[in-house]
Amino acid sequence: MELASYSDYAVRLVNTEEPARGKDTLTSVEAVRELFGASSQMARRATDADVTRFRSVRGRLRAVFTAADSGDPTQAVDLLNSLLLEFPVSPQISGHDYLDEEGRPRWHMHLADHPSNATAGYAATAAMGLAFHLTEYGVDRLGLCQAAPCRNAYLDTSTNRSRRYCSDRCATRANVAAYRARKRLETERSDSTGRTAETAQASTPVTEA
């Protein structure tokens, strides 16, 4: 597994909250466990105390995306570095999950953590994955959805760095809104032009023959 793929951990956590809509799905230990996935051993260690800790890490990860999205790469890196220092991991070679056709291990890099609680384990994986993604693809590949009021986090892997929305649904919604705005503007301009013409016609004196 490519280490950059662990960056999805950061996106999943950040997107448990939609501040502009007042929505927050990170309200129980079950929600915390769902972020890990059903097969994660660390998920089974989660307790009610991790809900508050996860929310704290979520805010710090969102700050990284916000800085990157606003064009401040230095701040984004500084914020991410602080997470890496607080939640360290040790990359290790692993082969226990994948076997080739002959039953031999398919060696790959794995993030081995030694956390004191579930939050520390998740935060370490999310921060390291995001760091690898950032250094491999660039800070500008971290973004927040432009379809207001969504503002979900996303990772831009497009070839031309053109991604602006977190999902096809938000992209469609934004395009429809933009189309309707253009049509309203065209209608307003047409009405304004018509009224101007009528006013000019009304103010033109009539000359009797």
N, C-alpha and C. Protein backbone atom coordinates (compact mmCIF):
# COMPACT_ATOMS: atom_id res chain seq x y z
N MET A 1 0.84 -1.20 0.00
CA MET A 1 0.00 0.00 0.00
C MET A 1 0.88 1.24 0.00
N GLU A 2 0.55 2.22 -0.86
CA GLU A 2 1.28 3.47 -0.86
C GLU A 2 0.93 4.26 0.39
N LEU A 3 1.96 4.82 1.01
CA LEU A 3 1.72 5.53 2.26
C LEU A 3 0.79 6.72 2.07
N ALA A 4 0.83 7.33 0.88
CA ALA A 4 -0.04 8.48 0.63
C ALA A 4 -1.52 8.11 0.74
N SER A 5 -1.84 6.83 0.54
CA SER A 5 -3.23 6.40 0.59
C SER A 5 -3.81 6.56 1.99
N TYR A 6 -2.96 6.61 3.01
CA TYR A 6 -3.43 6.80 4.37
C TYR A 6 -4.00 8.20 4.57
N SER A 7 -3.79 9.08 3.62
CA SER A 7 -4.34 10.43 3.73
C SER A 7 -5.86 10.42 3.76
N ASP A 8 -6.46 9.34 3.27
CA ASP A 8 -7.92 9.22 3.32
C ASP A 8 -8.43 9.23 4.76
N TYR A 9 -7.58 8.79 5.68
CA TYR A 9 -7.97 8.84 7.09
C TYR A 9 -8.26 10.28 7.50
N ALA A 10 -7.42 11.20 7.04
CA ALA A 10 -7.61 12.61 7.38
C ALA A 10 -8.90 13.15 6.78
N VAL A 11 -9.15 12.82 5.52
CA VAL A 11 -10.35 13.30 4.85
C VAL A 11 -11.61 12.77 5.52
N ARG A 12 -11.61 11.49 5.86
CA ARG A 12 -12.78 10.90 6.51
C ARG A 12 -13.10 11.59 7.83
N LEU A 13 -12.06 11.87 8.61
CA LEU A 13 -12.28 12.50 9.91
C LEU A 13 -12.77 13.94 9.74
N VAL A 14 -12.10 14.71 8.90
CA VAL A 14 -12.50 16.11 8.69
C VAL A 14 -13.95 16.21 8.24
N ASN A 15 -14.37 15.30 7.37
CA ASN A 15 -15.70 15.39 6.78
C ASN A 15 -16.81 14.81 7.66
N THR A 16 -16.48 14.47 8.91
CA THR A 16 -17.55 14.09 9.83
C THR A 16 -18.28 15.32 10.34
N GLU A 17 -17.77 16.50 9.99
CA GLU A 17 -18.41 17.74 10.41
C GLU A 17 -18.61 18.66 9.21
N GLU A 18 -19.76 19.30 9.15
CA GLU A 18 -20.05 20.32 8.15
C GLU A 18 -20.43 21.60 8.91
N PRO A 19 -19.44 22.40 9.26
CA PRO A 19 -19.69 23.59 10.11
C PRO A 19 -20.76 24.53 9.57
N ALA A 20 -20.73 24.79 8.28
CA ALA A 20 -21.68 25.74 7.70
C ALA A 20 -23.12 25.24 7.79
N ARG A 21 -23.28 23.92 7.83
CA ARG A 21 -24.63 23.35 7.92
C ARG A 21 -24.99 22.98 9.36
N GLY A 22 -24.04 23.11 10.28
CA GLY A 22 -24.30 22.76 11.67
C GLY A 22 -24.44 21.27 11.88
N LYS A 23 -23.79 20.46 11.04
CA LYS A 23 -23.90 19.00 11.15
C LYS A 23 -22.61 18.40 11.70
N ASP A 24 -22.78 17.40 12.55
CA ASP A 24 -21.64 16.72 13.14
C ASP A 24 -22.06 15.27 13.42
N THR A 25 -21.43 14.34 12.71
CA THR A 25 -21.77 12.92 12.89
C THR A 25 -20.85 12.23 13.88
N LEU A 26 -19.85 12.95 14.38
CA LEU A 26 -18.91 12.36 15.33
C LEU A 26 -19.44 12.58 16.75
N THR A 27 -20.45 11.82 17.11
CA THR A 27 -21.14 12.05 18.38
C THR A 27 -21.14 10.84 19.31
N SER A 28 -20.51 9.74 18.89
CA SER A 28 -20.53 8.54 19.73
C SER A 28 -19.28 7.71 19.47
N VAL A 29 -19.02 6.77 20.37
CA VAL A 29 -17.88 5.88 20.19
C VAL A 29 -18.07 4.99 18.98
N GLU A 30 -19.32 4.68 18.64
CA GLU A 30 -19.59 3.88 17.44
C GLU A 30 -19.16 4.64 16.19
N ALA A 31 -19.38 5.96 16.17
CA ALA A 31 -18.96 6.77 15.03
C ALA A 31 -17.44 6.79 14.92
N VAL A 32 -16.76 6.80 16.05
CA VAL A 32 -15.30 6.75 16.06
C VAL A 32 -14.82 5.44 15.46
N ARG A 33 -15.42 4.34 15.87
CA ARG A 33 -15.01 3.02 15.39
C ARG A 33 -15.24 2.86 13.89
N GLU A 34 -16.30 3.48 13.39
CA GLU A 34 -16.59 3.40 11.95
C GLU A 34 -15.48 4.05 11.11
N LEU A 35 -14.82 5.05 11.65
CA LEU A 35 -13.74 5.71 10.92
C LEU A 35 -12.57 4.77 10.68
N PHE A 36 -12.33 3.86 11.61
CA PHE A 36 -11.23 2.91 11.46
C PHE A 36 -11.57 1.83 10.44
N GLY A 37 -12.83 1.44 10.39
CA GLY A 37 -13.20 0.28 9.60
C GLY A 37 -13.43 -0.91 10.53
N ALA A 38 -14.27 -1.80 10.11
CA ALA A 38 -14.70 -2.90 10.99
C ALA A 38 -13.56 -3.85 11.35
N SER A 39 -12.56 -3.95 10.50
CA SER A 39 -11.50 -4.94 10.73
C SER A 39 -10.34 -4.40 11.56
N SER A 40 -10.39 -3.14 11.95
CA SER A 40 -9.27 -2.54 12.67
C SER A 40 -9.25 -2.96 14.13
N GLN A 41 -8.11 -3.44 14.59
CA GLN A 41 -7.95 -3.80 16.00
C GLN A 41 -8.01 -2.57 16.88
N MET A 42 -7.46 -1.45 16.39
CA MET A 42 -7.46 -0.22 17.17
C MET A 42 -8.88 0.28 17.41
N ALA A 43 -9.79 0.04 16.47
CA ALA A 43 -11.17 0.49 16.63
C ALA A 43 -11.80 -0.10 17.87
N ARG A 44 -11.44 -1.33 18.18
CA ARG A 44 -12.02 -1.99 19.35
C ARG A 44 -11.52 -1.39 20.66
N ARG A 45 -10.45 -0.59 20.59
CA ARG A 45 -9.92 0.05 21.79
C ARG A 45 -10.57 1.41 22.05
N ALA A 46 -11.38 1.87 21.13
CA ALA A 46 -12.01 3.18 21.27
C ALA A 46 -12.97 3.21 22.45
N THR A 47 -12.97 4.33 23.16
CA THR A 47 -13.88 4.54 24.29
C THR A 47 -14.60 5.87 24.10
N ASP A 48 -15.53 6.13 25.02
CA ASP A 48 -16.26 7.40 24.94
C ASP A 48 -15.33 8.61 25.00
N ALA A 49 -14.22 8.46 25.70
CA ALA A 49 -13.28 9.58 25.83
C ALA A 49 -12.67 9.96 24.48
N ASP A 50 -12.63 9.02 23.55
CA ASP A 50 -12.03 9.29 22.24
C ASP A 50 -12.89 10.22 21.39
N VAL A 51 -14.18 10.33 21.70
CA VAL A 51 -15.04 11.23 20.92
C VAL A 51 -14.53 12.66 21.00
N THR A 52 -14.27 13.12 22.21
CA THR A 52 -13.75 14.48 22.40
C THR A 52 -12.36 14.62 21.80
N ARG A 53 -11.50 13.62 22.00
CA ARG A 53 -10.14 13.70 21.46
C ARG A 53 -10.16 13.71 19.93
N PHE A 54 -11.03 12.91 19.33
CA PHE A 54 -11.13 12.88 17.87
C PHE A 54 -11.57 14.24 17.34
N ARG A 55 -12.49 14.88 18.02
CA ARG A 55 -12.96 16.19 17.58
C ARG A 55 -11.84 17.21 17.61
N SER A 56 -10.97 17.11 18.59
CA SER A 56 -9.84 18.03 18.68
C SER A 56 -8.89 17.83 17.50
N VAL A 57 -8.58 16.58 17.20
CA VAL A 57 -7.70 16.28 16.06
C VAL A 57 -8.37 16.71 14.76
N ARG A 58 -9.67 16.51 14.68
CA ARG A 58 -10.42 16.91 13.48
C ARG A 58 -10.26 18.40 13.19
N GLY A 59 -10.37 19.21 14.23
CA GLY A 59 -10.21 20.65 14.04
C GLY A 59 -8.83 21.02 13.55
N ARG A 60 -7.83 20.33 14.04
CA ARG A 60 -6.45 20.62 13.62
C ARG A 60 -6.20 20.16 12.19
N LEU A 61 -6.80 19.05 11.80
CA LEU A 61 -6.65 18.58 10.41
C LEU A 61 -7.39 19.51 9.45
N ARG A 62 -8.57 19.98 9.86
CA ARG A 62 -9.30 20.91 9.00
C ARG A 62 -8.50 22.19 8.81
N ALA A 63 -7.78 22.61 9.84
CA ALA A 63 -6.97 23.82 9.74
C ALA A 63 -5.88 23.64 8.68
N VAL A 64 -5.35 22.43 8.54
CA VAL A 64 -4.35 22.15 7.51
C VAL A 64 -4.97 22.34 6.14
N PHE A 65 -6.15 21.77 5.92
CA PHE A 65 -6.84 21.90 4.63
C PHE A 65 -7.22 23.36 4.36
N THR A 66 -7.65 24.07 5.40
CA THR A 66 -8.05 25.47 5.23
C THR A 66 -6.87 26.33 4.81
N ALA A 67 -5.71 26.11 5.44
CA ALA A 67 -4.52 26.87 5.08
C ALA A 67 -4.09 26.57 3.65
N ALA A 68 -4.12 25.29 3.28
CA ALA A 68 -3.74 24.91 1.92
C ALA A 68 -4.71 25.51 0.90
N ASP A 69 -6.01 25.45 1.21
CA ASP A 69 -7.03 25.94 0.29
C ASP A 69 -6.96 27.46 0.12
N SER A 70 -6.50 28.16 1.16
CA SER A 70 -6.41 29.62 1.09
C SER A 70 -5.09 30.10 0.51
N GLY A 71 -4.24 29.16 0.08
CA GLY A 71 -2.98 29.54 -0.55
C GLY A 71 -1.86 29.86 0.40
N ASP A 72 -1.88 29.26 1.60
CA ASP A 72 -0.82 29.50 2.59
C ASP A 72 -0.11 28.17 2.87
N PRO A 73 0.77 27.73 1.97
CA PRO A 73 1.43 26.43 2.14
C PRO A 73 2.30 26.33 3.38
N THR A 74 2.95 27.42 3.76
CA THR A 74 3.81 27.39 4.94
C THR A 74 3.02 27.08 6.20
N GLN A 75 1.88 27.73 6.36
CA GLN A 75 1.05 27.47 7.52
C GLN A 75 0.52 26.04 7.50
N ALA A 76 0.11 25.57 6.32
CA ALA A 76 -0.39 24.20 6.22
C ALA A 76 0.66 23.19 6.65
N VAL A 77 1.90 23.39 6.21
CA VAL A 77 2.99 22.49 6.57
C VAL A 77 3.30 22.59 8.06
N ASP A 78 3.33 23.80 8.60
CA ASP A 78 3.61 23.97 10.02
C ASP A 78 2.56 23.26 10.88
N LEU A 79 1.30 23.40 10.51
CA LEU A 79 0.23 22.76 11.26
C LEU A 79 0.33 21.24 11.18
N LEU A 80 0.67 20.74 10.01
CA LEU A 80 0.81 19.30 9.84
C LEU A 80 2.02 18.77 10.59
N ASN A 81 3.10 19.53 10.58
CA ASN A 81 4.30 19.12 11.31
C ASN A 81 4.03 19.00 12.81
N SER A 82 3.20 19.88 13.33
CA SER A 82 2.88 19.81 14.76
C SER A 82 2.13 18.53 15.09
N LEU A 83 1.29 18.08 14.18
CA LEU A 83 0.59 16.81 14.38
C LEU A 83 1.55 15.63 14.29
N LEU A 84 2.49 15.70 13.34
CA LEU A 84 3.47 14.62 13.19
C LEU A 84 4.35 14.48 14.43
N LEU A 85 4.69 15.61 15.04
CA LEU A 85 5.51 15.57 16.25
C LEU A 85 4.74 14.99 17.43
N GLU A 86 3.47 15.33 17.50
CA GLU A 86 2.67 14.87 18.63
C GLU A 86 2.23 13.42 18.49
N PHE A 87 2.02 12.99 17.22
CA PHE A 87 1.55 11.62 16.98
C PHE A 87 2.50 10.91 16.01
N PRO A 88 3.66 10.46 16.48
CA PRO A 88 4.65 9.83 15.60
C PRO A 88 4.30 8.37 15.25
N VAL A 89 4.84 7.91 14.13
CA VAL A 89 4.69 6.52 13.71
C VAL A 89 6.04 6.01 13.23
N SER A 90 6.12 4.70 13.05
CA SER A 90 7.35 4.07 12.55
C SER A 90 7.01 3.26 11.30
N PRO A 91 7.42 3.72 10.12
CA PRO A 91 7.18 2.93 8.91
C PRO A 91 7.89 1.58 8.99
N GLN A 92 7.19 0.51 8.65
CA GLN A 92 7.77 -0.82 8.67
C GLN A 92 7.36 -1.59 7.44
N ILE A 93 8.20 -2.57 7.05
CA ILE A 93 7.87 -3.44 5.93
C ILE A 93 6.96 -4.55 6.42
N SER A 94 5.88 -4.78 5.69
CA SER A 94 4.92 -5.80 6.09
C SER A 94 4.52 -6.64 4.88
N GLY A 95 4.09 -7.87 5.15
CA GLY A 95 3.62 -8.73 4.08
C GLY A 95 2.52 -9.65 4.54
N HIS A 96 1.99 -9.36 5.71
CA HIS A 96 1.03 -10.29 6.31
C HIS A 96 -0.35 -10.22 5.68
N ASP A 97 -0.65 -9.14 4.96
CA ASP A 97 -1.99 -8.98 4.41
C ASP A 97 -2.13 -9.46 2.97
N TYR A 98 -1.03 -9.53 2.23
CA TYR A 98 -1.11 -9.82 0.80
C TYR A 98 -0.18 -10.96 0.43
N LEU A 99 -0.70 -11.92 -0.35
CA LEU A 99 0.09 -13.05 -0.84
C LEU A 99 -0.01 -13.11 -2.35
N ASP A 100 1.09 -13.50 -3.01
CA ASP A 100 1.06 -13.64 -4.46
C ASP A 100 0.50 -15.00 -4.84
N GLU A 101 0.56 -15.33 -6.14
CA GLU A 101 -0.03 -16.57 -6.63
C GLU A 101 0.63 -17.81 -6.03
N GLU A 102 1.85 -17.68 -5.59
CA GLU A 102 2.57 -18.81 -5.01
C GLU A 102 2.54 -18.80 -3.48
N GLY A 103 1.73 -17.92 -2.92
CA GLY A 103 1.59 -17.89 -1.48
C GLY A 103 2.67 -17.14 -0.75
N ARG A 104 3.49 -16.40 -1.48
CA ARG A 104 4.56 -15.64 -0.84
C ARG A 104 4.06 -14.24 -0.50
N PRO A 105 4.59 -13.65 0.56
CA PRO A 105 4.16 -12.30 0.95
C PRO A 105 4.49 -11.26 -0.12
N ARG A 106 3.57 -10.34 -0.32
CA ARG A 106 3.82 -9.19 -1.18
C ARG A 106 4.22 -8.04 -0.25
N TRP A 107 5.51 -7.82 -0.19
CA TRP A 107 6.02 -6.86 0.77
C TRP A 107 5.57 -5.44 0.43
N HIS A 108 5.20 -4.70 1.45
CA HIS A 108 4.76 -3.31 1.27
C HIS A 108 5.05 -2.54 2.54
N MET A 109 4.99 -1.22 2.43
CA MET A 109 5.23 -0.37 3.58
C MET A 109 3.95 -0.27 4.41
N HIS A 110 4.13 -0.31 5.71
CA HIS A 110 3.01 -0.26 6.64
C HIS A 110 3.36 0.74 7.75
N LEU A 111 2.36 1.51 8.19
CA LEU A 111 2.60 2.46 9.27
C LEU A 111 2.34 1.79 10.60
N ALA A 112 3.38 1.51 11.33
CA ALA A 112 3.25 0.88 12.64
C ALA A 112 3.22 1.95 13.71
N ASP A 113 2.16 1.98 14.47
CA ASP A 113 2.07 2.96 15.55
C ASP A 113 2.04 2.24 16.89
N HIS A 114 2.34 2.98 17.91
CA HIS A 114 2.34 2.43 19.26
C HIS A 114 1.57 3.40 20.16
N PRO A 115 0.28 3.55 19.88
CA PRO A 115 -0.51 4.59 20.54
C PRO A 115 -0.95 4.21 21.94
N SER A 116 -1.18 5.25 22.74
CA SER A 116 -1.70 5.05 24.08
C SER A 116 -3.21 4.95 24.08
N ASN A 117 -3.85 5.41 22.99
CA ASN A 117 -5.31 5.32 22.87
C ASN A 117 -5.69 5.33 21.39
N ALA A 118 -6.97 5.13 21.13
CA ALA A 118 -7.43 5.03 19.75
C ALA A 118 -7.22 6.31 18.97
N THR A 119 -7.40 7.46 19.62
CA THR A 119 -7.22 8.74 18.95
C THR A 119 -5.78 8.91 18.47
N ALA A 120 -4.83 8.57 19.32
CA ALA A 120 -3.42 8.72 18.96
C ALA A 120 -3.08 7.84 17.76
N GLY A 121 -3.62 6.63 17.73
CA GLY A 121 -3.36 5.74 16.60
C GLY A 121 -3.93 6.27 15.30
N TYR A 122 -5.16 6.76 15.36
CA TYR A 122 -5.79 7.28 14.15
C TYR A 122 -5.10 8.56 13.69
N ALA A 123 -4.81 9.45 14.64
CA ALA A 123 -4.18 10.73 14.29
C ALA A 123 -2.81 10.51 13.67
N ALA A 124 -2.04 9.55 14.19
CA ALA A 124 -0.72 9.26 13.65
C ALA A 124 -0.81 8.81 12.20
N THR A 125 -1.74 7.90 11.92
CA THR A 125 -1.92 7.39 10.56
C THR A 125 -2.39 8.49 9.62
N ALA A 126 -3.38 9.29 10.07
CA ALA A 126 -3.92 10.35 9.22
C ALA A 126 -2.88 11.41 8.91
N ALA A 127 -2.12 11.83 9.93
CA ALA A 127 -1.12 12.88 9.73
C ALA A 127 0.01 12.40 8.82
N MET A 128 0.49 11.18 9.03
CA MET A 128 1.57 10.67 8.19
C MET A 128 1.10 10.48 6.75
N GLY A 129 -0.10 9.95 6.57
CA GLY A 129 -0.63 9.79 5.22
C GLY A 129 -0.78 11.11 4.51
N LEU A 130 -1.28 12.11 5.24
CA LEU A 130 -1.44 13.43 4.64
C LEU A 130 -0.09 14.05 4.31
N ALA A 131 0.90 13.80 5.13
CA ALA A 131 2.24 14.32 4.88
C ALA A 131 2.83 13.71 3.60
N PHE A 132 2.66 12.42 3.42
CA PHE A 132 3.16 11.78 2.21
C PHE A 132 2.42 12.29 0.98
N HIS A 133 1.11 12.48 1.10
CA HIS A 133 0.34 13.00 -0.03
C HIS A 133 0.80 14.42 -0.38
N LEU A 134 0.99 15.23 0.65
CA LEU A 134 1.39 16.62 0.44
C LEU A 134 2.75 16.71 -0.25
N THR A 135 3.71 15.91 0.21
CA THR A 135 5.06 15.99 -0.36
C THR A 135 5.14 15.35 -1.74
N GLU A 136 4.25 14.40 -2.02
CA GLU A 136 4.29 13.75 -3.33
C GLU A 136 3.55 14.54 -4.40
N TYR A 137 2.41 15.15 -4.02
CA TYR A 137 1.57 15.82 -5.01
C TYR A 137 1.56 17.34 -4.90
N GLY A 138 1.91 17.89 -3.73
CA GLY A 138 1.91 19.34 -3.55
C GLY A 138 0.85 19.81 -2.58
N VAL A 139 1.13 20.92 -1.92
CA VAL A 139 0.19 21.47 -0.94
C VAL A 139 -1.12 21.88 -1.60
N ASP A 140 -1.03 22.36 -2.83
CA ASP A 140 -2.24 22.81 -3.51
C ASP A 140 -3.18 21.69 -3.89
N ARG A 141 -2.79 20.44 -3.60
CA ARG A 141 -3.68 19.30 -3.86
C ARG A 141 -4.61 19.02 -2.69
N LEU A 142 -4.49 19.82 -1.62
CA LEU A 142 -5.40 19.72 -0.49
C LEU A 142 -6.41 20.84 -0.62
N GLY A 143 -7.69 20.50 -0.65
CA GLY A 143 -8.68 21.54 -0.87
C GLY A 143 -9.94 21.37 -0.06
N LEU A 144 -10.77 22.40 -0.09
CA LEU A 144 -12.09 22.39 0.53
C LEU A 144 -13.12 22.67 -0.56
N CYS A 145 -14.20 21.93 -0.53
CA CYS A 145 -15.23 22.00 -1.57
C CYS A 145 -15.71 23.43 -1.77
N GLN A 146 -15.79 23.85 -3.04
CA GLN A 146 -16.22 25.21 -3.38
C GLN A 146 -17.73 25.35 -3.52
N ALA A 147 -18.45 24.24 -3.35
CA ALA A 147 -19.92 24.29 -3.45
C ALA A 147 -20.50 24.65 -2.10
N ALA A 148 -20.58 25.95 -1.83
CA ALA A 148 -21.11 26.40 -0.54
C ALA A 148 -22.54 25.88 -0.34
N PRO A 149 -22.89 25.49 0.89
CA PRO A 149 -22.09 25.62 2.11
C PRO A 149 -21.31 24.36 2.48
N CYS A 150 -21.01 23.51 1.54
CA CYS A 150 -20.41 22.20 1.84
C CYS A 150 -19.09 22.31 2.59
N ARG A 151 -18.03 22.73 1.90
CA ARG A 151 -16.69 22.89 2.48
C ARG A 151 -16.09 21.59 3.03
N ASN A 152 -16.48 20.47 2.45
CA ASN A 152 -15.83 19.20 2.80
C ASN A 152 -14.41 19.19 2.26
N ALA A 153 -13.54 18.45 2.93
CA ALA A 153 -12.15 18.32 2.47
C ALA A 153 -12.06 17.31 1.34
N TYR A 154 -11.07 17.50 0.47
CA TYR A 154 -10.82 16.54 -0.59
C TYR A 154 -9.34 16.56 -0.95
N LEU A 155 -8.89 15.53 -1.63
CA LEU A 155 -7.52 15.42 -2.12
C LEU A 155 -7.58 15.43 -3.65
N ASP A 156 -6.95 16.39 -4.25
CA ASP A 156 -6.98 16.53 -5.71
C ASP A 156 -5.92 15.64 -6.34
N THR A 157 -6.35 14.63 -7.07
CA THR A 157 -5.42 13.76 -7.79
C THR A 157 -5.61 13.88 -9.30
N SER A 158 -6.30 14.93 -9.75
CA SER A 158 -6.51 15.14 -11.18
C SER A 158 -5.18 15.47 -11.86
N THR A 159 -5.10 15.19 -13.14
CA THR A 159 -3.85 15.41 -13.86
C THR A 159 -3.55 16.89 -14.07
N ASN A 160 -4.58 17.71 -14.11
CA ASN A 160 -4.37 19.14 -14.38
C ASN A 160 -4.69 20.03 -13.17
N ARG A 161 -4.71 19.44 -11.98
CA ARG A 161 -4.96 20.19 -10.74
C ARG A 161 -6.22 21.04 -10.83
N SER A 162 -7.28 20.45 -11.35
CA SER A 162 -8.49 21.23 -11.62
C SER A 162 -9.64 20.94 -10.67
N ARG A 163 -9.45 20.04 -9.73
CA ARG A 163 -10.56 19.67 -8.86
C ARG A 163 -10.94 20.83 -7.95
N ARG A 164 -12.25 21.04 -7.81
CA ARG A 164 -12.74 22.13 -6.95
C ARG A 164 -13.85 21.66 -6.00
N TYR A 165 -14.32 20.43 -6.19
CA TYR A 165 -15.45 19.96 -5.40
C TYR A 165 -15.14 18.59 -4.79
N CYS A 166 -15.80 18.30 -3.67
CA CYS A 166 -15.52 17.06 -2.96
C CYS A 166 -16.18 15.85 -3.61
N SER A 167 -17.20 16.08 -4.44
CA SER A 167 -17.93 14.97 -5.05
C SER A 167 -18.60 15.43 -6.34
N ASP A 168 -19.04 14.46 -7.14
CA ASP A 168 -19.77 14.78 -8.36
C ASP A 168 -21.09 15.48 -8.02
N ARG A 169 -21.68 15.09 -6.90
CA ARG A 169 -22.95 15.72 -6.49
C ARG A 169 -22.77 17.20 -6.26
N CYS A 170 -21.70 17.58 -5.54
CA CYS A 170 -21.46 19.00 -5.28
C CYS A 170 -21.09 19.74 -6.57
N ALA A 171 -20.35 19.08 -7.45
CA ALA A 171 -19.98 19.71 -8.72
C ALA A 171 -21.22 20.00 -9.55
N THR A 172 -22.15 19.04 -9.59
CA THR A 172 -23.39 19.23 -10.34
C THR A 172 -24.22 20.35 -9.73
N ARG A 173 -24.31 20.36 -8.40
CA ARG A 173 -25.09 21.38 -7.72
C ARG A 173 -24.52 22.77 -7.99
N ALA A 174 -23.19 22.89 -7.97
CA ALA A 174 -22.55 24.18 -8.22
C ALA A 174 -22.76 24.63 -9.66
N ASN A 175 -22.69 23.68 -10.60
CA ASN A 175 -22.88 24.02 -12.01
C ASN A 175 -24.32 24.48 -12.27
N VAL A 176 -25.28 23.81 -11.63
CA VAL A 176 -26.68 24.19 -11.79
C VAL A 176 -26.91 25.58 -11.21
N ALA A 177 -26.32 25.85 -10.04
CA ALA A 177 -26.47 27.16 -9.41
C ALA A 177 -25.86 28.26 -10.27
N ALA A 178 -24.69 27.96 -10.86
CA ALA A 178 -24.03 28.94 -11.72
C ALA A 178 -24.86 29.21 -12.97
N TYR A 179 -25.45 28.14 -13.52
CA TYR A 179 -26.29 28.30 -14.72
C TYR A 179 -27.51 29.16 -14.42
N ARG A 180 -28.14 28.90 -13.28
CA ARG A 180 -29.32 29.69 -12.91
C ARG A 180 -28.97 31.14 -12.65
N ALA A 181 -27.79 31.37 -12.07
CA ALA A 181 -27.35 32.74 -11.82
C ALA A 181 -27.13 33.49 -13.13
N ARG A 182 -26.53 32.79 -14.11
CA ARG A 182 -26.32 33.42 -15.43
C ARG A 182 -27.64 33.76 -16.09
N LYS A 183 -28.60 32.84 -16.00
CA LYS A 183 -29.90 33.07 -16.62
C LYS A 183 -30.62 34.25 -15.96
N ARG A 184 -30.51 34.37 -14.62
CA ARG A 184 -31.13 35.50 -13.93
C ARG A 184 -30.50 36.81 -14.38
N LEU A 185 -29.16 36.80 -14.52
CA LEU A 185 -28.46 38.00 -14.95
C LEU A 185 -28.86 38.39 -16.36
N GLU A 186 -28.98 37.40 -17.24
CA GLU A 186 -29.39 37.68 -18.62
C GLU A 186 -30.80 38.27 -18.65
N THR A 187 -31.69 37.71 -17.82
CA THR A 187 -33.06 38.21 -17.77
C THR A 187 -33.10 39.64 -17.25
N GLU A 188 -32.32 39.91 -16.19
CA GLU A 188 -32.27 41.26 -15.63
C GLU A 188 -31.73 42.27 -16.64
N ARG A 189 -30.68 41.85 -17.39
CA ARG A 189 -30.12 42.75 -18.41
C ARG A 189 -31.12 43.00 -19.53
N SER A 190 -31.84 41.94 -19.91
CA SER A 190 -32.83 42.09 -20.97
C SER A 190 -33.96 43.01 -20.54
N ASP A 191 -34.41 42.83 -19.28
CA ASP A 191 -35.49 43.69 -18.77
C ASP A 191 -35.01 45.13 -18.67
N SER A 192 -33.75 45.31 -18.22
CA SER A 192 -33.21 46.66 -18.09
C SER A 192 -33.10 47.33 -19.44
N THR A 193 -32.63 46.56 -20.43
CA THR A 193 -32.51 47.12 -21.78
C THR A 193 -33.88 47.50 -22.33
N GLY A 194 -34.89 46.65 -22.07
CA GLY A 194 -36.23 46.93 -22.55
C GLY A 194 -36.81 48.17 -21.92
N ARG A 195 -36.58 48.31 -20.60
CA ARG A 195 -37.10 49.49 -19.91
C ARG A 195 -36.41 50.76 -20.39
N THR A 196 -35.10 50.67 -20.67
CA THR A 196 -34.36 51.83 -21.17
C THR A 196 -34.89 52.26 -22.52
N ALA A 197 -35.17 51.28 -23.36
CA ALA A 197 -35.68 51.58 -24.70
C ALA A 197 -37.06 52.22 -24.62
N GLU A 198 -37.89 51.69 -23.72
CA GLU A 198 -39.24 52.25 -23.57
C GLU A 198 -39.18 53.67 -23.05
N THR A 199 -38.25 53.92 -22.10
CA THR A 199 -38.11 55.27 -21.54
C THR A 199 -37.65 56.25 -22.60
N ALA A 200 -36.69 55.80 -23.41
CA ALA A 200 -36.16 56.67 -24.46
C ALA A 200 -37.24 56.98 -25.48
N GLN A 201 -38.05 55.97 -25.80
CA GLN A 201 -39.12 56.18 -26.77
C GLN A 201 -40.18 57.13 -26.24
N ALA A 202 -40.49 57.00 -24.98
CA ALA A 202 -41.51 57.85 -24.36
C ALA A 202 -41.07 59.29 -24.25
N SER A 203 -39.73 59.49 -24.09
CA SER A 203 -39.25 60.86 -23.92
C SER A 203 -38.96 61.57 -25.25
N THR A 204 -39.09 60.88 -26.38
CA THR A 204 -38.86 61.48 -27.68
C THR A 204 -40.09 62.30 -28.08
N PRO A 205 -39.91 63.62 -28.33
CA PRO A 205 -41.05 64.46 -28.70
C PRO A 205 -41.63 64.06 -30.06
N VAL A 206 -42.96 64.17 -30.16
CA VAL A 206 -43.63 63.83 -31.41
C VAL A 206 -43.80 65.12 -32.23
N THR A 207 -43.30 65.14 -33.44
CA THR A 207 -43.36 66.31 -34.32
C THR A 207 -44.55 66.18 -35.26
N GLU A 208 -45.47 67.17 -35.19
CA GLU A 208 -46.64 67.12 -36.07
C GLU A 208 -46.25 67.60 -37.47
N ALA A 209 -46.83 66.99 -38.46
CA ALA A 209 -46.56 67.36 -39.85
C ALA A 209 -47.29 68.65 -40.17
